[in-house]
Amino acid sequence: MTEKYEVIVVGGGTAGLSAALVLGRARRRTLVVEAGEPRNAPAAHMHGYLSRDGMPPAEFLAAGRAEIARYGVELVHDRAVDVTKGEDFAVRLAGGTPSGGGRTVHARQLVVATGLKDELPPVAGLAERFGRDVLHCPYCHGWEVRDRAFGVLATTPMGVHQALIVTQWSKDVTLFLHTVAEEELTDEDRRRLGAAGVVVVPGEVAGLVVEDDRLTGVRLAGGTSSGGGRAYDREVLFVAPRAVPQTDLLTRLGAEMSETPFGTYPVVDGRGLTTVPGLWAAGNASGFAEQVVNAASRGYRAGAAINGELLMADLDMAVAGVRG
């Protein structure tokens, strides 16, 4: 038996749940496929979302899942491993759960809200502390660590920008150039860093100093064979992970992609529609800078647009039938 929905949403994060909520309230038969790997899982709290500031991400998503269930939206904990498009979209699931079973589900419209993954620089200790005292976004976490001793780990010259931004939350900031050569800094970079009071430390970072389960320093490579390089006292380290968009389903369906400084993302219109009819992208699957509040907005916009597309398509078919 073919399991057919009006809309399938792949990705049960903020953007996917927001789209599903709108569609459920519009009485569209909708399925959400959720793999359970939210980008913000390492964070204890999320911030900048009006009325939900400080809420744990897991609690936020649980509330979203409960809300979509009230409107009849189905959710399956599974992974979409393949997709094809003929008369409709056919999404093959991995299975491995009683509700999954490796089946193929079909829909007239497809929303890809699979987000992105953060790849951290290969520095010892970063992954273990990420989301705690190794952070990437001052707008997400800056208030909670304000006025502490900050470090910024540069992996590209863009690390200068990050170091300057975080001075809004602390005046004690050290920029570790790490893999960036000193000569890569422009004269403007140096003037701004000096004006902001940022200390610039050349040399590669070997690892973190952790005492009593808290970050206390950043250690450079080199030095003696037993002691390593010099350690700088720091309480917080900001780092810019490499963002890896999870856009495999979009490329399989032939969506046009665009290279950006932050990765390859689909070309979408203002509503989230890709260059493939009926295929939509929302949240971090459509762009790098989608915070939780932005992702919710993008999902809402896509959901409303999809309902309009389906409605007009059905009306056009009815008109054609009457004329025939």
C-alpha atoms as a PDB file:
ATOM      1  CA  MET A   1       0.000   0.000   0.000  1.00  0.00           C
ATOM      2  CA  THR A   2       1.363   3.417  -0.929  1.00  0.00           C
ATOM      3  CA  GLU A   3       1.629   5.764   2.028  1.00  0.00           C
ATOM      4  CA  LYS A   4       0.861   9.131   0.556  1.00  0.00           C
ATOM      5  CA  TYR A   5       0.867  12.490   2.250  1.00  0.00           C
ATOM      6  CA  GLU A   6       0.278  15.959   0.974  1.00  0.00           C
ATOM      7  CA  VAL A   7       3.567  17.132   2.465  1.00  0.00           C
ATOM      8  CA  ILE A   8       6.628  15.392   3.886  1.00  0.00           C
ATOM      9  CA  VAL A   9       8.996  17.397   6.069  1.00  0.00           C
ATOM     10  CA  VAL A  10      12.459  15.884   6.438  1.00  0.00           C
ATOM     11  CA  GLY A  11      13.987  17.284   9.608  1.00  0.00           C
ATOM     12  CA  GLY A  12      12.281  17.720  12.969  1.00  0.00           C
ATOM     13  CA  GLY A  13      14.181  20.759  14.224  1.00  0.00           C
ATOM     14  CA  THR A  14      12.774  24.247  14.623  1.00  0.00           C
ATOM     15  CA  ALA A  15      12.259  24.942  10.913  1.00  0.00           C
ATOM     16  CA  GLY A  16      10.701  21.566  10.162  1.00  0.00           C
ATOM     17  CA  LEU A  17       8.354  21.638  13.150  1.00  0.00           C
ATOM     18  CA  SER A  18       7.325  25.212  12.370  1.00  0.00           C
ATOM     19  CA  ALA A  19       6.423  24.283   8.791  1.00  0.00           C
ATOM     20  CA  ALA A  20       4.568  21.210  10.024  1.00  0.00           C
ATOM     21  CA  LEU A  21       2.601  23.250  12.556  1.00  0.00           C
ATOM     22  CA  VAL A  22       1.326  25.612   9.869  1.00  0.00           C
ATOM     23  CA  LEU A  23       0.470  22.717   7.571  1.00  0.00           C
ATOM     24  CA  GLY A  24      -1.294  20.783  10.299  1.00  0.00           C
ATOM     25  CA  ARG A  25      -3.396  23.778  11.196  1.00  0.00           C
ATOM     26  CA  ALA A  26      -4.210  24.124   7.490  1.00  0.00           C
ATOM     27  CA  ARG A  27      -5.567  20.555   7.596  1.00  0.00           C
ATOM     28  CA  ARG A  28      -2.853  19.148   5.322  1.00  0.00           C
ATOM     29  CA  ARG A  29      -1.879  15.511   5.822  1.00  0.00           C
ATOM     30  CA  THR A  30       1.757  15.938   6.835  1.00  0.00           C
ATOM     31  CA  LEU A  31       4.572  13.641   7.892  1.00  0.00           C
ATOM     32  CA  VAL A  32       7.709  14.773   9.720  1.00  0.00           C
ATOM     33  CA  VAL A  33      10.787  12.530   9.457  1.00  0.00           C
ATOM     34  CA  GLU A  34      13.035  13.198  12.438  1.00  0.00           C
ATOM     35  CA  ALA A  35      16.540  11.710  12.762  1.00  0.00           C
ATOM     36  CA  GLY A  36      17.118  13.171  16.237  1.00  0.00           C
ATOM     37  CA  GLU A  37      20.364  15.051  15.596  1.00  0.00           C
ATOM     38  CA  PRO A  38      19.670  18.746  16.294  1.00  0.00           C
ATOM     39  CA  ARG A  39      22.585  21.101  15.733  1.00  0.00           C
ATOM     40  CA  ASN A  40      22.161  22.800  19.099  1.00  0.00           C
ATOM     41  CA  ALA A  41      22.136  19.563  21.112  1.00  0.00           C
ATOM     42  CA  PRO A  42      25.443  20.441  22.910  1.00  0.00           C
ATOM     43  CA  ALA A  43      23.938  23.674  24.273  1.00  0.00           C
ATOM     44  CA  ALA A  44      22.174  23.676  27.645  1.00  0.00           C
ATOM     45  CA  HIS A  45      19.999  26.651  26.741  1.00  0.00           C
ATOM     46  CA  MET A  46      18.937  28.616  23.680  1.00  0.00           C
ATOM     47  CA  HIS A  47      18.734  32.396  23.593  1.00  0.00           C
ATOM     48  CA  GLY A  48      17.383  35.260  21.529  1.00  0.00           C
ATOM     49  CA  TYR A  49      13.952  33.690  20.976  1.00  0.00           C
ATOM     50  CA  LEU A  50      11.384  36.081  22.400  1.00  0.00           C
ATOM     51  CA  SER A  51       9.340  34.427  25.202  1.00  0.00           C
ATOM     52  CA  ARG A  52      11.582  31.328  25.138  1.00  0.00           C
ATOM     53  CA  ASP A  53      14.944  32.851  26.064  1.00  0.00           C
ATOM     54  CA  GLY A  54      16.979  30.425  28.184  1.00  0.00           C
ATOM     55  CA  MET A  55      14.824  27.399  27.370  1.00  0.00           C
ATOM     56  CA  PRO A  56      16.707  24.094  26.946  1.00  0.00           C
ATOM     57  CA  PRO A  57      16.699  23.094  23.252  1.00  0.00           C
ATOM     58  CA  ALA A  58      15.435  19.582  23.992  1.00  0.00           C
ATOM     59  CA  GLU A  59      12.494  21.001  25.943  1.00  0.00           C
ATOM     60  CA  PHE A  60      11.723  23.429  23.123  1.00  0.00           C
ATOM     61  CA  LEU A  61      11.632  20.656  20.520  1.00  0.00           C
ATOM     62  CA  ALA A  62       9.513  18.434  22.768  1.00  0.00           C
ATOM     63  CA  ALA A  63       6.964  21.240  23.051  1.00  0.00           C
ATOM     64  CA  GLY A  64       6.978  21.606  19.261  1.00  0.00           C
ATOM     65  CA  ARG A  65       6.380  17.897  18.723  1.00  0.00           C
ATOM     66  CA  ALA A  66       3.448  17.988  21.138  1.00  0.00           C
ATOM     67  CA  GLU A  67       1.975  20.973  19.312  1.00  0.00           C
ATOM     68  CA  ILE A  68       2.068  19.419  15.839  1.00  0.00           C
ATOM     69  CA  ALA A  69       0.524  16.207  17.205  1.00  0.00           C
ATOM     70  CA  ARG A  70      -2.548  18.199  18.275  1.00  0.00           C
ATOM     71  CA  TYR A  71      -3.233  18.979  14.617  1.00  0.00           C
ATOM     72  CA  GLY A  72      -2.846  15.437  13.340  1.00  0.00           C
ATOM     73  CA  VAL A  73       0.697  15.756  11.980  1.00  0.00           C
ATOM     74  CA  GLU A  74       2.501  12.426  12.053  1.00  0.00           C
ATOM     75  CA  LEU A  75       6.121  12.165  13.190  1.00  0.00           C
ATOM     76  CA  VAL A  76       8.440   9.230  12.618  1.00  0.00           C
ATOM     77  CA  HIS A  77      11.850   8.840  14.238  1.00  0.00           C
ATOM     78  CA  ASP A  78      13.810   7.717  11.208  1.00  0.00           C
ATOM     79  CA  ARG A  79      16.231   8.907   8.567  1.00  0.00           C
ATOM     80  CA  ALA A  80      15.523   9.730   4.930  1.00  0.00           C
ATOM     81  CA  VAL A  81      18.194   7.912   2.929  1.00  0.00           C
ATOM     82  CA  ASP A  82      16.996   8.499  -0.621  1.00  0.00           C
ATOM     83  CA  VAL A  83      14.490  10.529  -2.575  1.00  0.00           C
ATOM     84  CA  THR A  84      13.204  10.522  -6.146  1.00  0.00           C
ATOM     85  CA  LYS A  85      10.676  12.626  -8.011  1.00  0.00           C
ATOM     86  CA  GLY A  86       8.165  11.410 -10.547  1.00  0.00           C
ATOM     87  CA  GLU A  87       4.508  12.301 -10.303  1.00  0.00           C
ATOM     88  CA  ASP A  88       5.258  12.919  -6.635  1.00  0.00           C
ATOM     89  CA  PHE A  89       8.188  12.781  -4.224  1.00  0.00           C
ATOM     90  CA  ALA A  90       9.161   9.299  -3.013  1.00  0.00           C
ATOM     91  CA  VAL A  91      11.208   9.332   0.204  1.00  0.00           C
ATOM     92  CA  ARG A  92      12.857   6.096   1.302  1.00  0.00           C
ATOM     93  CA  LEU A  93      13.402   5.705   5.034  1.00  0.00           C
ATOM     94  CA  ALA A  94      16.245   3.843   6.688  1.00  0.00           C
ATOM     95  CA  GLY A  95      14.077   1.800   9.030  1.00  0.00           C
ATOM     96  CA  GLY A  96      15.501   0.264  12.165  1.00  0.00           C
ATOM     97  CA  THR A  97      12.554   1.353  14.308  1.00  0.00           C
ATOM     98  CA  PRO A  98       9.089  -0.204  14.630  1.00  0.00           C
ATOM     99  CA  SER A  99       7.558   2.874  13.008  1.00  0.00           C
ATOM    100  CA  GLY A 100      10.194   3.136  10.292  1.00  0.00           C
ATOM    101  CA  GLY A 101      10.643  -0.252   8.689  1.00  0.00           C
ATOM    102  CA  GLY A 102      12.600   0.970   5.709  1.00  0.00           C
ATOM    103  CA  ARG A 103       9.430   1.916   3.905  1.00  0.00           C
ATOM    104  CA  THR A 104       8.961   4.480   1.158  1.00  0.00           C
ATOM    105  CA  VAL A 105       6.547   7.353   1.710  1.00  0.00           C
ATOM    106  CA  HIS A 106       5.150   9.699  -0.931  1.00  0.00           C
ATOM    107  CA  ALA A 107       4.052  13.333  -0.991  1.00  0.00           C
ATOM    108  CA  ARG A 108       3.035  16.076  -3.381  1.00  0.00           C
ATOM    109  CA  GLN A 109       5.422  18.567  -1.752  1.00  0.00           C
ATOM    110  CA  LEU A 110       8.670  18.060   0.125  1.00  0.00           C
ATOM    111  CA  VAL A 111      10.354  20.271   2.720  1.00  0.00           C
ATOM    112  CA  VAL A 112      14.040  19.662   3.468  1.00  0.00           C
ATOM    113  CA  ALA A 113      14.918  21.059   6.897  1.00  0.00           C
ATOM    114  CA  THR A 114      17.934  18.893   7.661  1.00  0.00           C
ATOM    115  CA  GLY A 115      20.115  21.740   8.940  1.00  0.00           C
ATOM    116  CA  LEU A 116      23.881  21.589   9.094  1.00  0.00           C
ATOM    117  CA  LYS A 117      26.650  20.039  11.160  1.00  0.00           C
ATOM    118  CA  ASP A 118      29.502  21.858  12.870  1.00  0.00           C
ATOM    119  CA  GLU A 119      32.988  20.485  12.213  1.00  0.00           C
ATOM    120  CA  LEU A 120      35.411  21.721  14.838  1.00  0.00           C
ATOM    121  CA  PRO A 121      39.113  22.354  14.210  1.00  0.00           C
ATOM    122  CA  PRO A 122      41.273  19.345  15.189  1.00  0.00           C
ATOM    123  CA  VAL A 123      42.468  20.772  18.504  1.00  0.00           C
ATOM    124  CA  ALA A 124      42.591  18.497  21.548  1.00  0.00           C
ATOM    125  CA  GLY A 125      39.741  19.135  23.950  1.00  0.00           C
ATOM    126  CA  LEU A 126      37.540  21.324  21.745  1.00  0.00           C
ATOM    127  CA  ALA A 127      34.822  18.773  21.050  1.00  0.00           C
ATOM    128  CA  GLU A 128      34.511  17.784  24.706  1.00  0.00           C
ATOM    129  CA  ARG A 129      33.969  21.394  25.813  1.00  0.00           C
ATOM    130  CA  PHE A 130      31.836  22.567  22.865  1.00  0.00           C
ATOM    131  CA  GLY A 131      28.617  24.184  24.027  1.00  0.00           C
ATOM    132  CA  ARG A 132      29.988  24.653  27.543  1.00  0.00           C
ATOM    133  CA  ASP A 133      33.010  26.974  27.663  1.00  0.00           C
ATOM    134  CA  VAL A 134      34.027  26.442  24.029  1.00  0.00           C
ATOM    135  CA  LEU A 135      31.463  28.494  22.123  1.00  0.00           C
ATOM    136  CA  HIS A 136      30.823  29.740  18.611  1.00  0.00           C
ATOM    137  CA  CYS A 137      28.126  32.424  18.812  1.00  0.00           C
ATOM    138  CA  PRO A 138      28.298  35.409  21.183  1.00  0.00           C
ATOM    139  CA  TYR A 139      24.673  36.252  20.449  1.00  0.00           C
ATOM    140  CA  CYS A 140      23.736  32.782  21.713  1.00  0.00           C
ATOM    141  CA  HIS A 141      26.043  32.620  24.733  1.00  0.00           C
ATOM    142  CA  GLY A 142      27.809  35.949  25.232  1.00  0.00           C
ATOM    143  CA  TRP A 143      25.617  37.219  28.061  1.00  0.00           C
ATOM    144  CA  GLU A 144      26.141  34.054  30.106  1.00  0.00           C
ATOM    145  CA  VAL A 145      29.961  34.364  29.960  1.00  0.00           C
ATOM    146  CA  ARG A 146      30.204  38.167  30.008  1.00  0.00           C
ATOM    147  CA  ASP A 147      33.296  39.822  31.492  1.00  0.00           C
ATOM    148  CA  ARG A 148      35.302  36.615  31.623  1.00  0.00           C
ATOM    149  CA  ALA A 149      38.688  36.072  30.014  1.00  0.00           C
ATOM    150  CA  PHE A 150      37.926  35.259  26.373  1.00  0.00           C
ATOM    151  CA  GLY A 151      40.030  33.526  23.792  1.00  0.00           C
ATOM    152  CA  VAL A 152      39.250  33.370  20.084  1.00  0.00           C
ATOM    153  CA  LEU A 153      40.703  30.577  17.955  1.00  0.00           C
ATOM    154  CA  ALA A 154      41.306  31.722  14.381  1.00  0.00           C
ATOM    155  CA  THR A 155      41.322  29.213  11.547  1.00  0.00           C
ATOM    156  CA  THR A 156      40.828  31.830   8.810  1.00  0.00           C
ATOM    157  CA  PRO A 157      41.321  35.605   8.737  1.00  0.00           C
ATOM    158  CA  MET A 158      37.602  35.848   9.600  1.00  0.00           C
ATOM    159  CA  GLY A 159      38.713  35.080  13.153  1.00  0.00           C
ATOM    160  CA  VAL A 160      39.593  38.761  13.413  1.00  0.00           C
ATOM    161  CA  HIS A 161      35.931  39.656  12.930  1.00  0.00           C
ATOM    162  CA  GLN A 162      34.878  37.193  15.623  1.00  0.00           C
ATOM    163  CA  ALA A 163      37.467  38.591  18.038  1.00  0.00           C
ATOM    164  CA  LEU A 164      36.209  42.129  17.466  1.00  0.00           C
ATOM    165  CA  ILE A 165      32.555  41.142  17.896  1.00  0.00           C
ATOM    166  CA  VAL A 166      33.082  39.378  21.233  1.00  0.00           C
ATOM    167  CA  THR A 167      34.641  42.507  22.755  1.00  0.00           C
ATOM    168  CA  GLN A 168      31.055  43.654  23.245  1.00  0.00           C
ATOM    169  CA  TRP A 169      30.801  41.037  26.006  1.00  0.00           C
ATOM    170  CA  SER A 170      34.308  41.216  27.483  1.00  0.00           C
ATOM    171  CA  LYS A 171      37.222  43.631  27.305  1.00  0.00           C
ATOM    172  CA  ASP A 172      39.702  40.827  28.070  1.00  0.00           C
ATOM    173  CA  VAL A 173      40.048  39.156  24.667  1.00  0.00           C
ATOM    174  CA  THR A 174      43.014  37.258  23.223  1.00  0.00           C
ATOM    175  CA  LEU A 175      43.088  36.247  19.573  1.00  0.00           C
ATOM    176  CA  PHE A 176      45.044  33.040  18.950  1.00  0.00           C
ATOM    177  CA  LEU A 177      46.054  33.096  15.289  1.00  0.00           C
ATOM    178  CA  HIS A 178      46.547  29.314  15.275  1.00  0.00           C
ATOM    179  CA  THR A 179      46.659  28.430  11.546  1.00  0.00           C
ATOM    180  CA  VAL A 180      46.519  32.056  10.348  1.00  0.00           C
ATOM    181  CA  ALA A 181      49.864  33.673   9.524  1.00  0.00           C
ATOM    182  CA  GLU A 182      50.522  37.131  10.955  1.00  0.00           C
ATOM    183  CA  GLU A 183      51.050  38.543   7.473  1.00  0.00           C
ATOM    184  CA  GLU A 184      47.464  37.571   6.585  1.00  0.00           C
ATOM    185  CA  LEU A 185      46.202  40.322   8.888  1.00  0.00           C
ATOM    186  CA  THR A 186      45.527  43.561   7.050  1.00  0.00           C
ATOM    187  CA  ASP A 187      46.542  46.973   8.333  1.00  0.00           C
ATOM    188  CA  GLU A 188      42.878  47.655   9.036  1.00  0.00           C
ATOM    189  CA  ASP A 189      42.682  44.416  11.052  1.00  0.00           C
ATOM    190  CA  ARG A 190      45.632  45.490  13.175  1.00  0.00           C
ATOM    191  CA  ARG A 191      44.241  48.975  13.773  1.00  0.00           C
ATOM    192  CA  ARG A 192      40.848  47.664  14.819  1.00  0.00           C
ATOM    193  CA  LEU A 193      42.303  44.952  17.056  1.00  0.00           C
ATOM    194  CA  GLY A 194      44.495  47.545  18.736  1.00  0.00           C
ATOM    195  CA  ALA A 195      41.604  49.960  19.215  1.00  0.00           C
ATOM    196  CA  ALA A 196      39.512  47.171  20.758  1.00  0.00           C
ATOM    197  CA  GLY A 197      42.317  46.113  23.089  1.00  0.00           C
ATOM    198  CA  VAL A 198      42.527  42.587  21.653  1.00  0.00           C
ATOM    199  CA  VAL A 199      45.815  40.795  22.363  1.00  0.00           C
ATOM    200  CA  VAL A 200      47.088  38.907  19.311  1.00  0.00           C
ATOM    201  CA  VAL A 201      49.060  35.685  19.900  1.00  0.00           C
ATOM    202  CA  PRO A 202      50.726  34.026  16.890  1.00  0.00           C
ATOM    203  CA  GLY A 203      51.468  30.321  16.797  1.00  0.00           C
ATOM    204  CA  GLU A 204      49.504  27.113  16.635  1.00  0.00           C
ATOM    205  CA  VAL A 205      47.275  26.049  19.516  1.00  0.00           C
ATOM    206  CA  ALA A 206      47.974  22.517  20.757  1.00  0.00           C
ATOM    207  CA  GLY A 207      45.118  22.077  23.192  1.00  0.00           C
ATOM    208  CA  LEU A 208      43.127  23.309  26.155  1.00  0.00           C
ATOM    209  CA  VAL A 209      43.935  23.403  29.846  1.00  0.00           C
ATOM    210  CA  VAL A 210      41.030  22.028  31.870  1.00  0.00           C
ATOM    211  CA  GLU A 211      40.899  21.910  35.674  1.00  0.00           C
ATOM    212  CA  ASP A 212      37.965  20.714  37.791  1.00  0.00           C
ATOM    213  CA  ASP A 213      35.872  20.320  34.651  1.00  0.00           C
ATOM    214  CA  ARG A 214      36.269  23.923  33.537  1.00  0.00           C
ATOM    215  CA  LEU A 215      38.438  25.645  30.969  1.00  0.00           C
ATOM    216  CA  THR A 216      41.341  27.508  32.565  1.00  0.00           C
ATOM    217  CA  GLY A 217      43.734  28.034  29.675  1.00  0.00           C
ATOM    218  CA  VAL A 218      44.829  27.638  26.072  1.00  0.00           C
ATOM    219  CA  ARG A 219      48.199  25.995  25.385  1.00  0.00           C
ATOM    220  CA  LEU A 220      50.328  26.681  22.342  1.00  0.00           C
ATOM    221  CA  ALA A 221      52.294  24.020  20.510  1.00  0.00           C
ATOM    222  CA  GLY A 222      56.077  23.815  20.865  1.00  0.00           C
ATOM    223  CA  GLY A 223      58.154  24.433  23.939  1.00  0.00           C
ATOM    224  CA  THR A 224      59.803  21.623  25.840  1.00  0.00           C
ATOM    225  CA  SER A 225      59.113  18.002  25.043  1.00  0.00           C
ATOM    226  CA  SER A 226      57.599  17.414  28.471  1.00  0.00           C
ATOM    227  CA  GLY A 227      55.752  20.648  29.094  1.00  0.00           C
ATOM    228  CA  GLY A 228      54.574  21.766  25.686  1.00  0.00           C
ATOM    229  CA  GLY A 229      54.219  25.420  24.741  1.00  0.00           C
ATOM    230  CA  ARG A 230      53.138  28.409  26.747  1.00  0.00           C
ATOM    231  CA  ALA A 231      49.689  28.372  28.316  1.00  0.00           C
ATOM    232  CA  TYR A 232      47.503  31.474  28.412  1.00  0.00           C
ATOM    233  CA  ASP A 233      44.899  31.793  31.129  1.00  0.00           C
ATOM    234  CA  ARG A 234      41.461  31.857  29.502  1.00  0.00           C
ATOM    235  CA  GLU A 235      38.008  30.975  30.800  1.00  0.00           C
ATOM    236  CA  VAL A 236      36.083  30.910  27.519  1.00  0.00           C
ATOM    237  CA  LEU A 237      37.193  30.065  23.990  1.00  0.00           C
ATOM    238  CA  PHE A 238      35.253  31.152  20.918  1.00  0.00           C
ATOM    239  CA  VAL A 239      35.767  29.162  17.743  1.00  0.00           C
ATOM    240  CA  ALA A 240      34.185  29.209  14.298  1.00  0.00           C
ATOM    241  CA  PRO A 241      33.327  25.626  13.272  1.00  0.00           C
ATOM    242  CA  ARG A 242      33.200  24.662   9.638  1.00  0.00           C
ATOM    243  CA  ALA A 243      29.531  24.546   8.722  1.00  0.00           C
ATOM    244  CA  VAL A 244      28.592  21.494   6.646  1.00  0.00           C
ATOM    245  CA  PRO A 245      25.085  21.864   5.160  1.00  0.00           C
ATOM    246  CA  GLN A 246      23.071  18.642   5.101  1.00  0.00           C
ATOM    247  CA  THR A 247      21.781  19.128   1.571  1.00  0.00           C
ATOM    248  CA  ASP A 248      22.197  15.659   0.061  1.00  0.00           C
ATOM    249  CA  LEU A 249      18.468  15.223  -0.599  1.00  0.00           C
ATOM    250  CA  LEU A 250      18.349  18.560  -2.387  1.00  0.00           C
ATOM    251  CA  THR A 251      21.255  17.730  -4.688  1.00  0.00           C
ATOM    252  CA  ARG A 252      19.799  14.297  -5.451  1.00  0.00           C
ATOM    253  CA  LEU A 253      16.696  15.999  -6.746  1.00  0.00           C
ATOM    254  CA  GLY A 254      18.700  18.375  -8.924  1.00  0.00           C
ATOM    255  CA  ALA A 255      18.133  21.605  -6.996  1.00  0.00           C
ATOM    256  CA  GLU A 256      20.395  24.429  -8.142  1.00  0.00           C
ATOM    257  CA  MET A 257      23.083  25.165  -5.560  1.00  0.00           C
ATOM    258  CA  SER A 258      25.100  28.287  -4.820  1.00  0.00           C
ATOM    259  CA  GLU A 259      28.598  28.556  -3.376  1.00  0.00           C
ATOM    260  CA  THR A 260      28.902  30.923  -0.402  1.00  0.00           C
ATOM    261  CA  PRO A 261      31.763  31.719   2.009  1.00  0.00           C
ATOM    262  CA  PHE A 262      29.975  29.471   4.503  1.00  0.00           C
ATOM    263  CA  GLY A 263      29.229  26.455   2.319  1.00  0.00           C
ATOM    264  CA  THR A 264      27.043  25.354  -0.577  1.00  0.00           C
ATOM    265  CA  TYR A 265      23.348  26.104  -0.188  1.00  0.00           C
ATOM    266  CA  PRO A 266      20.307  25.775  -2.448  1.00  0.00           C
ATOM    267  CA  VAL A 267      19.030  28.676  -4.505  1.00  0.00           C
ATOM    268  CA  VAL A 268      15.629  29.545  -3.016  1.00  0.00           C
ATOM    269  CA  ASP A 269      13.079  32.299  -3.415  1.00  0.00           C
ATOM    270  CA  GLY A 270      11.788  34.392  -0.535  1.00  0.00           C
ATOM    271  CA  ARG A 271       9.444  31.615   0.550  1.00  0.00           C
ATOM    272  CA  GLY A 272      12.021  28.812   0.507  1.00  0.00           C
ATOM    273  CA  LEU A 273      11.080  27.221  -2.831  1.00  0.00           C
ATOM    274  CA  THR A 274      14.056  25.716  -4.653  1.00  0.00           C
ATOM    275  CA  THR A 275      14.483  25.533  -8.420  1.00  0.00           C
ATOM    276  CA  VAL A 276      12.696  22.146  -8.358  1.00  0.00           C
ATOM    277  CA  PRO A 277       8.891  22.527  -8.337  1.00  0.00           C
ATOM    278  CA  GLY A 278       7.425  21.350  -5.052  1.00  0.00           C
ATOM    279  CA  LEU A 279      10.804  21.148  -3.300  1.00  0.00           C
ATOM    280  CA  TRP A 280      11.396  23.524  -0.395  1.00  0.00           C
ATOM    281  CA  ALA A 281      14.327  24.248   1.929  1.00  0.00           C
ATOM    282  CA  ALA A 282      14.023  25.782   5.389  1.00  0.00           C
ATOM    283  CA  GLY A 283      16.271  26.592   8.324  1.00  0.00           C
ATOM    284  CA  ASN A 284      19.999  25.935   8.097  1.00  0.00           C
ATOM    285  CA  ALA A 285      19.446  23.727   5.062  1.00  0.00           C
ATOM    286  CA  SER A 286      18.747  26.969   3.211  1.00  0.00           C
ATOM    287  CA  GLY A 287      21.404  29.221   4.717  1.00  0.00           C
ATOM    288  CA  PHE A 288      24.135  29.550   7.307  1.00  0.00           C
ATOM    289  CA  ALA A 289      22.862  32.311   9.589  1.00  0.00           C
ATOM    290  CA  GLU A 290      19.518  30.858  10.659  1.00  0.00           C
ATOM    291  CA  GLN A 291      19.271  31.097  14.440  1.00  0.00           C
ATOM    292  CA  VAL A 292      16.365  29.332  16.148  1.00  0.00           C
ATOM    293  CA  VAL A 293      14.049  32.316  15.816  1.00  0.00           C
ATOM    294  CA  ASN A 294      14.972  32.747  12.139  1.00  0.00           C
ATOM    295  CA  ALA A 295      14.503  29.038  11.454  1.00  0.00           C
ATOM    296  CA  ALA A 296      11.022  29.164  12.966  1.00  0.00           C
ATOM    297  CA  SER A 297      10.154  32.071  10.687  1.00  0.00           C
ATOM    298  CA  ARG A 298      11.505  30.319   7.584  1.00  0.00           C
ATOM    299  CA  GLY A 299       9.550  27.182   8.405  1.00  0.00           C
ATOM    300  CA  TYR A 300       6.359  29.136   8.960  1.00  0.00           C
ATOM    301  CA  ARG A 301       6.780  30.984   5.655  1.00  0.00           C
ATOM    302  CA  ALA A 302       7.376  27.749   3.752  1.00  0.00           C
ATOM    303  CA  GLY A 303       4.387  26.043   5.363  1.00  0.00           C
ATOM    304  CA  ALA A 304       2.005  28.856   4.457  1.00  0.00           C
ATOM    305  CA  ALA A 305       3.348  29.034   0.899  1.00  0.00           C
ATOM    306  CA  ILE A 306       2.977  25.274   0.432  1.00  0.00           C
ATOM    307  CA  ASN A 307      -0.634  25.355   1.549  1.00  0.00           C
ATOM    308  CA  GLY A 308      -1.325  28.086  -1.020  1.00  0.00           C
ATOM    309  CA  GLU A 309       0.464  26.142  -3.765  1.00  0.00           C
ATOM    310  CA  LEU A 310      -1.560  22.990  -3.068  1.00  0.00           C
ATOM    311  CA  LEU A 311      -4.829  24.886  -2.891  1.00  0.00           C
ATOM    312  CA  MET A 312      -4.318  26.677  -6.201  1.00  0.00           C
ATOM    313  CA  ALA A 313      -3.153  23.473  -7.914  1.00  0.00           C
ATOM    314  CA  ASP A 314      -6.320  21.672  -6.812  1.00  0.00           C
ATOM    315  CA  LEU A 315      -8.529  24.548  -7.919  1.00  0.00           C
ATOM    316  CA  ASP A 316      -6.827  24.664 -11.310  1.00  0.00           C
ATOM    317  CA  MET A 317      -7.407  20.934 -11.729  1.00  0.00           C
ATOM    318  CA  ALA A 318     -11.075  21.387 -10.811  1.00  0.00           C
ATOM    319  CA  VAL A 319     -11.425  24.185 -13.339  1.00  0.00           C
ATOM    320  CA  ALA A 320      -9.757  22.064 -16.019  1.00  0.00           C
ATOM    321  CA  GLY A 321     -12.122  19.198 -15.208  1.00  0.00           C
ATOM    322  CA  VAL A 322     -15.192  21.393 -15.546  1.00  0.00           C
ATOM    323  CA  ARG A 323     -13.969  22.739 -18.868  1.00  0.00           C
ATOM    324  CA  GLY A 324     -13.196  19.225 -20.087  1.00  0.00           C
END
